[in-house]
Protein backbone atom coordinates (compact mmCIF):
# COMPACT_ATOMS: atom_id res chain seq x y z
CA UNK A 1 0.00 0.00 0.00
CA UNK A 2 3.01 2.30 0.30
CA UNK A 3 3.85 1.90 -3.38
CA UNK A 4 3.79 5.14 -5.29
CA UNK A 5 1.50 5.92 -8.19
CA UNK A 6 3.90 6.63 -11.02
CA UNK A 7 3.49 9.54 -13.39
CA UNK A 8 2.37 7.32 -16.30
CA UNK A 9 -0.52 5.88 -14.28
CA UNK A 10 -1.42 9.32 -13.03
CA UNK A 11 -1.59 10.66 -16.60
CA UNK A 12 -3.82 7.72 -17.64
CA UNK A 13 -6.10 8.38 -14.68
CA UNK A 14 -6.16 12.07 -15.57
CA UNK A 15 -7.21 11.36 -19.18
CA UNK A 16 -9.96 8.96 -18.12
CA UNK A 17 -11.35 11.26 -15.46
CA UNK A 18 -11.44 14.22 -17.84
CA UNK A 19 -13.11 12.07 -20.50
CA UNK A 20 -15.87 11.01 -18.07
CA UNK A 21 -16.29 14.42 -16.40
CA UNK A 22 -14.79 17.12 -18.67
CA UNK A 23 -15.38 20.15 -16.44
CA UNK A 24 -15.29 18.61 -12.96
CA UNK A 25 -12.50 16.20 -13.88
CA UNK A 26 -10.12 19.05 -14.63
CA UNK A 27 -10.89 20.67 -11.27
CA UNK A 28 -10.34 17.38 -9.43
CA UNK A 29 -7.00 16.80 -11.17
CA UNK A 30 -5.90 20.35 -10.38
CA UNK A 31 -6.79 19.74 -6.74
CA UNK A 32 -4.85 16.47 -6.61
CA UNK A 33 -1.80 18.02 -8.29
CA UNK A 34 -1.88 20.95 -5.87
CA UNK A 35 -2.33 18.75 -2.77
CA UNK A 36 -0.04 15.80 -3.50
CA UNK A 37 1.65 16.28 -6.88
CA UNK A 38 1.88 13.78 -9.73
CA UNK A 39 3.72 11.01 -7.86
CA UNK A 40 2.33 9.97 -4.51
CA UNK A 41 1.64 6.89 -2.37
CA UNK A 42 -1.60 5.00 -3.07
CA UNK A 43 -2.53 5.48 0.59
CA UNK A 44 -2.36 9.28 0.24
CA UNK A 45 -4.33 9.23 -3.01
CA UNK A 46 -7.05 7.12 -1.42
CA UNK A 47 -7.27 9.46 1.57
CA UNK A 48 -7.55 12.55 -0.64
CA UNK A 49 -10.14 11.01 -2.98
CA UNK A 50 -12.31 9.43 -0.30
CA UNK A 51 -12.20 12.00 2.46
CA UNK A 52 -11.81 15.30 0.64
CA UNK A 53 -12.90 15.15 -2.99
CA UNK A 54 -15.79 12.66 -3.00
CA UNK A 55 -16.80 13.04 0.66
CA UNK A 56 -20.44 13.66 1.50
CA UNK A 57 -21.18 17.35 1.24
CA UNK A 58 -18.24 18.17 -1.03
CA UNK A 59 -18.65 19.86 -4.39
CA UNK A 60 -18.03 16.52 -6.15
CA UNK A 61 -19.96 14.16 -3.87
CA UNK A 62 -22.53 13.53 -6.62
CA UNK A 63 -19.91 12.19 -9.07
CA UNK A 64 -19.32 8.45 -9.32
CA UNK A 65 -16.09 6.88 -10.55
CA UNK A 66 -17.76 3.55 -11.36
PDB file of N, CA and C in Angstrom:
ATOM      1  N   UNK A   1       0.811  -1.194   0.000  1.00  0.00           N
ATOM      2  CA  UNK A   1       0.000   0.000   0.000  1.00  0.00           C
ATOM      3  C   UNK A   1       0.860   1.265   0.000  1.00  0.00           C
ATOM      4  N   UNK A   2       2.128   1.139   0.310  1.00  0.00           N
ATOM      5  CA  UNK A   2       3.011   2.303   0.300  1.00  0.00           C
ATOM      6  C   UNK A   2       3.632   2.549  -1.071  1.00  0.00           C
ATOM      7  N   UNK A   3       3.338   1.677  -2.040  1.00  0.00           N
ATOM      8  CA  UNK A   3       3.853   1.896  -3.382  1.00  0.00           C
ATOM      9  C   UNK A   3       3.344   3.231  -3.916  1.00  0.00           C
ATOM     10  N   UNK A   4       4.180   3.849  -4.712  1.00  0.00           N
ATOM     11  CA  UNK A   4       3.793   5.139  -5.288  1.00  0.00           C
ATOM     12  C   UNK A   4       3.074   4.942  -6.619  1.00  0.00           C
ATOM     13  N   UNK A   5       2.156   5.857  -6.890  1.00  0.00           N
ATOM     14  CA  UNK A   5       1.498   5.924  -8.188  1.00  0.00           C
ATOM     15  C   UNK A   5       2.495   6.630  -9.096  1.00  0.00           C
ATOM     16  N   UNK A   6       2.913   5.962 -10.167  1.00  0.00           N
ATOM     17  CA  UNK A   6       3.898   6.626 -11.023  1.00  0.00           C
ATOM     18  C   UNK A   6       3.216   7.625 -11.960  1.00  0.00           C
ATOM     19  N   UNK A   7       4.017   8.452 -12.556  1.00  0.00           N
ATOM     20  CA  UNK A   7       3.493   9.538 -13.393  1.00  0.00           C
ATOM     21  C   UNK A   7       2.680   9.001 -14.577  1.00  0.00           C
ATOM     22  N   UNK A   8       3.094   7.894 -15.160  1.00  0.00           N
ATOM     23  CA  UNK A   8       2.369   7.319 -16.298  1.00  0.00           C
ATOM     24  C   UNK A   8       0.952   6.930 -15.893  1.00  0.00           C
ATOM     25  N   UNK A   9       0.823   6.259 -14.763  1.00  0.00           N
ATOM     26  CA  UNK A   9      -0.521   5.877 -14.284  1.00  0.00           C
ATOM     27  C   UNK A   9      -1.346   7.101 -13.950  1.00  0.00           C
ATOM     28  N   UNK A  10      -0.710   8.099 -13.358  1.00  0.00           N
ATOM     29  CA  UNK A  10      -1.425   9.323 -13.030  1.00  0.00           C
ATOM     30  C   UNK A  10      -1.964   9.978 -14.300  1.00  0.00           C
ATOM     31  N   UNK A  11      -1.154  10.042 -15.346  1.00  0.00           N
ATOM     32  CA  UNK A  11      -1.591  10.662 -16.597  1.00  0.00           C
ATOM     33  C   UNK A  11      -2.739   9.875 -17.238  1.00  0.00           C
ATOM     34  N   UNK A  12      -2.706   8.541 -17.141  1.00  0.00           N
ATOM     35  CA  UNK A  12      -3.815   7.722 -17.643  1.00  0.00           C
ATOM     36  C   UNK A  12      -5.090   8.018 -16.862  1.00  0.00           C
ATOM     37  N   UNK A  13      -4.958   8.071 -15.540  1.00  0.00           N
ATOM     38  CA  UNK A  13      -6.095   8.378 -14.679  1.00  0.00           C
ATOM     39  C   UNK A  13      -6.657   9.752 -15.029  1.00  0.00           C
ATOM     40  N   UNK A  14      -5.770  10.709 -15.234  1.00  0.00           N
ATOM     41  CA  UNK A  14      -6.159  12.074 -15.571  1.00  0.00           C
ATOM     42  C   UNK A  14      -6.973  12.097 -16.865  1.00  0.00           C
ATOM     43  N   UNK A  15      -6.490  11.413 -17.902  1.00  0.00           N
ATOM     44  CA  UNK A  15      -7.212  11.363 -19.178  1.00  0.00           C
ATOM     45  C   UNK A  15      -8.596  10.748 -19.021  1.00  0.00           C
ATOM     46  N   UNK A  16      -8.670   9.635 -18.306  1.00  0.00           N
ATOM     47  CA  UNK A  16      -9.955   8.956 -18.118  1.00  0.00           C
ATOM     48  C   UNK A  16     -10.939   9.819 -17.338  1.00  0.00           C
ATOM     49  N   UNK A  17     -10.477  10.427 -16.288  1.00  0.00           N
ATOM     50  CA  UNK A  17     -11.355  11.257 -15.462  1.00  0.00           C
ATOM     51  C   UNK A  17     -11.878  12.448 -16.254  1.00  0.00           C
ATOM     52  N   UNK A  18     -11.018  13.076 -17.035  1.00  0.00           N
ATOM     53  CA  UNK A  18     -11.444  14.221 -17.840  1.00  0.00           C
ATOM     54  C   UNK A  18     -12.391  13.787 -18.954  1.00  0.00           C
ATOM     55  N   UNK A  19     -12.203  12.577 -19.477  1.00  0.00           N
ATOM     56  CA  UNK A  19     -13.109  12.066 -20.505  1.00  0.00           C
ATOM     57  C   UNK A  19     -14.504  11.836 -19.919  1.00  0.00           C
ATOM     58  N   UNK A  20     -14.577  11.291 -18.714  1.00  0.00           N
ATOM     59  CA  UNK A  20     -15.866  11.007 -18.072  1.00  0.00           C
ATOM     60  C   UNK A  20     -16.536  12.300 -17.606  1.00  0.00           C
ATOM     61  N   UNK A  21     -15.773  13.163 -16.965  1.00  0.00           N
ATOM     62  CA  UNK A  21     -16.285  14.420 -16.402  1.00  0.00           C
ATOM     63  C   UNK A  21     -15.423  15.584 -16.885  1.00  0.00           C
ATOM     64  N   UNK A  22     -15.677  16.092 -18.101  1.00  0.00           N
ATOM     65  CA  UNK A  22     -14.794  17.118 -18.667  1.00  0.00           C
ATOM     66  C   UNK A  22     -14.542  18.312 -17.742  1.00  0.00           C
ATOM     67  N   UNK A  23     -15.563  18.948 -17.264  1.00  0.00           N
ATOM     68  CA  UNK A  23     -15.381  20.152 -16.436  1.00  0.00           C
ATOM     69  C   UNK A  23     -14.910  19.812 -15.026  1.00  0.00           C
ATOM     70  N   UNK A  24     -15.638  18.946 -14.340  1.00  0.00           N
ATOM     71  CA  UNK A  24     -15.289  18.610 -12.964  1.00  0.00           C
ATOM     72  C   UNK A  24     -13.989  17.837 -12.883  1.00  0.00           C
ATOM     73  N   UNK A  25     -13.719  16.998 -13.863  1.00  0.00           N
ATOM     74  CA  UNK A  25     -12.500  16.200 -13.878  1.00  0.00           C
ATOM     75  C   UNK A  25     -11.249  17.062 -13.853  1.00  0.00           C
ATOM     76  N   UNK A  26     -11.266  18.134 -14.621  1.00  0.00           N
ATOM     77  CA  UNK A  26     -10.117  19.052 -14.630  1.00  0.00           C
ATOM     78  C   UNK A  26      -9.903  19.680 -13.254  1.00  0.00           C
ATOM     79  N   UNK A  27     -10.992  20.069 -12.604  1.00  0.00           N
ATOM     80  CA  UNK A  27     -10.891  20.667 -11.270  1.00  0.00           C
ATOM     81  C   UNK A  27     -10.347  19.659 -10.260  1.00  0.00           C
ATOM     82  N   UNK A  28     -10.805  18.423 -10.353  1.00  0.00           N
ATOM     83  CA  UNK A  28     -10.340  17.377  -9.434  1.00  0.00           C
ATOM     84  C   UNK A  28      -8.855  17.130  -9.634  1.00  0.00           C
ATOM     85  N   UNK A  29      -8.417  17.015 -10.878  1.00  0.00           N
ATOM     86  CA  UNK A  29      -7.002  16.795 -11.173  1.00  0.00           C
ATOM     87  C   UNK A  29      -6.161  17.967 -10.674  1.00  0.00           C
ATOM     88  N   UNK A  30      -6.623  19.180 -10.890  1.00  0.00           N
ATOM     89  CA  UNK A  30      -5.896  20.352 -10.382  1.00  0.00           C
ATOM     90  C   UNK A  30      -5.755  20.284  -8.863  1.00  0.00           C
ATOM     91  N   UNK A  31      -6.816  19.861  -8.195  1.00  0.00           N
ATOM     92  CA  UNK A  31      -6.790  19.740  -6.739  1.00  0.00           C
ATOM     93  C   UNK A  31      -5.769  18.695  -6.304  1.00  0.00           C
ATOM     94  N   UNK A  32      -5.797  17.534  -6.952  1.00  0.00           N
ATOM     95  CA  UNK A  32      -4.853  16.469  -6.612  1.00  0.00           C
ATOM     96  C   UNK A  32      -3.423  16.935  -6.839  1.00  0.00           C
ATOM     97  N   UNK A  33      -3.157  17.554  -7.991  1.00  0.00           N
ATOM     98  CA  UNK A  33      -1.798  18.017  -8.285  1.00  0.00           C
ATOM     99  C   UNK A  33      -1.338  19.055  -7.265  1.00  0.00           C
ATOM    100  N   UNK A  34      -2.231  19.930  -6.851  1.00  0.00           N
ATOM    101  CA  UNK A  34      -1.881  20.954  -5.871  1.00  0.00           C
ATOM    102  C   UNK A  34      -1.606  20.322  -4.502  1.00  0.00           C
ATOM    103  N   UNK A  35      -2.440  19.357  -4.096  1.00  0.00           N
ATOM    104  CA  UNK A  35      -2.333  18.750  -2.770  1.00  0.00           C
ATOM    105  C   UNK A  35      -1.176  17.763  -2.651  1.00  0.00           C
ATOM    106  N   UNK A  36      -1.022  16.882  -3.653  1.00  0.00           N
ATOM    107  CA  UNK A  36      -0.035  15.804  -3.497  1.00  0.00           C
ATOM    108  C   UNK A  36       0.864  15.589  -4.704  1.00  0.00           C
ATOM    109  N   UNK A  37       0.758  16.403  -5.736  1.00  0.00           N
ATOM    110  CA  UNK A  37       1.653  16.279  -6.884  1.00  0.00           C
ATOM    111  C   UNK A  37       1.246  15.176  -7.847  1.00  0.00           C
ATOM    112  N   UNK A  38       2.175  14.786  -8.710  1.00  0.00           N
ATOM    113  CA  UNK A  38       1.880  13.780  -9.728  1.00  0.00           C
ATOM    114  C   UNK A  38       2.424  12.403  -9.367  1.00  0.00           C
ATOM    115  N   UNK A  39       3.217  12.305  -8.326  1.00  0.00           N
ATOM    116  CA  UNK A  39       3.721  11.013  -7.865  1.00  0.00           C
ATOM    117  C   UNK A  39       3.497  10.970  -6.362  1.00  0.00           C
ATOM    118  N   UNK A  40       2.726  10.003  -5.908  1.00  0.00           N
ATOM    119  CA  UNK A  40       2.330   9.967  -4.515  1.00  0.00           C
ATOM    120  C   UNK A  40       1.995   8.538  -4.114  1.00  0.00           C
ATOM    121  N   UNK A  41       2.009   8.239  -2.818  1.00  0.00           N
ATOM    122  CA  UNK A  41       1.639   6.891  -2.368  1.00  0.00           C
ATOM    123  C   UNK A  41       0.147   6.624  -2.585  1.00  0.00           C
ATOM    124  N   UNK A  42      -0.204   5.376  -2.888  1.00  0.00           N
ATOM    125  CA  UNK A  42      -1.600   4.997  -3.068  1.00  0.00           C
ATOM    126  C   UNK A  42      -2.420   5.374  -1.835  1.00  0.00           C
ATOM    127  N   UNK A  43      -1.836   5.186  -0.670  1.00  0.00           N
ATOM    128  CA  UNK A  43      -2.532   5.482   0.589  1.00  0.00           C
ATOM    129  C   UNK A  43      -2.949   6.954   0.635  1.00  0.00           C
ATOM    130  N   UNK A  44      -2.067   7.847   0.246  1.00  0.00           N
ATOM    131  CA  UNK A  44      -2.363   9.280   0.244  1.00  0.00           C
ATOM    132  C   UNK A  44      -3.425   9.614  -0.799  1.00  0.00           C
ATOM    133  N   UNK A  45      -3.333   9.002  -1.962  1.00  0.00           N
ATOM    134  CA  UNK A  45      -4.326   9.233  -3.010  1.00  0.00           C
ATOM    135  C   UNK A  45      -5.706   8.790  -2.545  1.00  0.00           C
ATOM    136  N   UNK A  46      -5.781   7.638  -1.923  1.00  0.00           N
ATOM    137  CA  UNK A  46      -7.051   7.125  -1.419  1.00  0.00           C
ATOM    138  C   UNK A  46      -7.640   8.070  -0.386  1.00  0.00           C
ATOM    139  N   UNK A  47      -6.812   8.554   0.518  1.00  0.00           N
ATOM    140  CA  UNK A  47      -7.271   9.462   1.565  1.00  0.00           C
ATOM    141  C   UNK A  47      -7.829  10.747   0.952  1.00  0.00           C
ATOM    142  N   UNK A  48      -7.107  11.308   0.007  1.00  0.00           N
ATOM    143  CA  UNK A  48      -7.549  12.552  -0.643  1.00  0.00           C
ATOM    144  C   UNK A  48      -8.859  12.335  -1.389  1.00  0.00           C
ATOM    145  N   UNK A  49      -8.933  11.263  -2.185  1.00  0.00           N
ATOM    146  CA  UNK A  49     -10.137  11.009  -2.979  1.00  0.00           C
ATOM    147  C   UNK A  49     -11.347  10.720  -2.102  1.00  0.00           C
ATOM    148  N   UNK A  50     -11.172   9.856  -1.115  1.00  0.00           N
ATOM    149  CA  UNK A  50     -12.311   9.432  -0.301  1.00  0.00           C
ATOM    150  C   UNK A  50     -12.759  10.456   0.728  1.00  0.00           C
ATOM    151  N   UNK A  51     -11.838  11.139   1.339  1.00  0.00           N
ATOM    152  CA  UNK A  51     -12.196  11.998   2.462  1.00  0.00           C
ATOM    153  C   UNK A  51     -12.202  13.485   2.165  1.00  0.00           C
ATOM    154  N   UNK A  52     -11.757  13.879   0.981  1.00  0.00           N
ATOM    155  CA  UNK A  52     -11.806  15.299   0.635  1.00  0.00           C
ATOM    156  C   UNK A  52     -12.618  15.544  -0.624  1.00  0.00           C
ATOM    157  N   UNK A  53     -12.271  14.842  -1.700  1.00  0.00           N
ATOM    158  CA  UNK A  53     -12.896  15.150  -2.989  1.00  0.00           C
ATOM    159  C   UNK A  53     -14.306  14.586  -3.098  1.00  0.00           C
ATOM    160  N   UNK A  54     -14.489  13.284  -2.813  1.00  0.00           N
ATOM    161  CA  UNK A  54     -15.791  12.656  -3.005  1.00  0.00           C
ATOM    162  C   UNK A  54     -16.559  12.477  -1.689  1.00  0.00           C
ATOM    163  N   UNK A  55     -16.140  13.137  -0.643  1.00  0.00           N
ATOM    164  CA  UNK A  55     -16.799  13.035   0.656  1.00  0.00           C
ATOM    165  C   UNK A  55     -18.204  13.641   0.594  1.00  0.00           C
ATOM    166  N   UNK A  56     -19.083  13.119   1.427  1.00  0.00           N
ATOM    167  CA  UNK A  56     -20.436  13.661   1.499  1.00  0.00           C
ATOM    168  C   UNK A  56     -20.366  15.153   1.784  1.00  0.00           C
ATOM    169  N   UNK A  57     -21.145  15.913   1.039  1.00  0.00           N
ATOM    170  CA  UNK A  57     -21.185  17.350   1.243  1.00  0.00           C
ATOM    171  C   UNK A  57     -20.173  18.142   0.436  1.00  0.00           C
ATOM    172  N   UNK A  58     -19.222  17.445  -0.222  1.00  0.00           N
ATOM    173  CA  UNK A  58     -18.242  18.167  -1.032  1.00  0.00           C
ATOM    174  C   UNK A  58     -18.858  18.540  -2.380  1.00  0.00           C
ATOM    175  N   UNK A  59     -18.183  19.406  -3.077  1.00  0.00           N
ATOM    176  CA  UNK A  59     -18.647  19.863  -4.392  1.00  0.00           C
ATOM    177  C   UNK A  59     -18.816  18.702  -5.373  1.00  0.00           C
ATOM    178  N   UNK A  60     -18.028  17.638  -5.203  1.00  0.00           N
ATOM    179  CA  UNK A  60     -18.031  16.522  -6.155  1.00  0.00           C
ATOM    180  C   UNK A  60     -18.687  15.261  -5.603  1.00  0.00           C
ATOM    181  N   UNK A  61     -19.391  15.358  -4.503  1.00  0.00           N
ATOM    182  CA  UNK A  61     -19.955  14.161  -3.871  1.00  0.00           C
ATOM    183  C   UNK A  61     -20.995  13.462  -4.760  1.00  0.00           C
ATOM    184  N   UNK A  62     -21.560  14.157  -5.734  1.00  0.00           N
ATOM    185  CA  UNK A  62     -22.534  13.528  -6.617  1.00  0.00           C
ATOM    186  C   UNK A  62     -21.907  12.758  -7.776  1.00  0.00           C
ATOM    187  N   UNK A  63     -20.601  12.895  -7.978  1.00  0.00           N
ATOM    188  CA  UNK A  63     -19.911  12.187  -9.070  1.00  0.00           C
ATOM    189  C   UNK A  63     -19.584  10.760  -8.645  1.00  0.00           C
ATOM    190  N   UNK A  64     -19.655   9.845  -9.574  1.00  0.00           N
ATOM    191  CA  UNK A  64     -19.324   8.446  -9.317  1.00  0.00           C
ATOM    192  C   UNK A  64     -18.211   8.024 -10.258  1.00  0.00           C
ATOM    193  N   UNK A  65     -17.199   7.347  -9.715  1.00  0.00           N
ATOM    194  CA  UNK A  65     -16.086   6.881 -10.550  1.00  0.00           C
ATOM    195  C   UNK A  65     -16.419   5.583 -11.248  1.00  0.00           C
ATOM    196  N   UNK A  66     -17.384   4.837 -10.761  1.00  0.00           N
ATOM    197  CA  UNK A  66     -17.759   3.549 -11.363  1.00  0.00           C
ATOM    198  C   UNK A  66     -19.185   3.565 -11.796  1.00  0.00           C
TER     199      UNK A  66
END
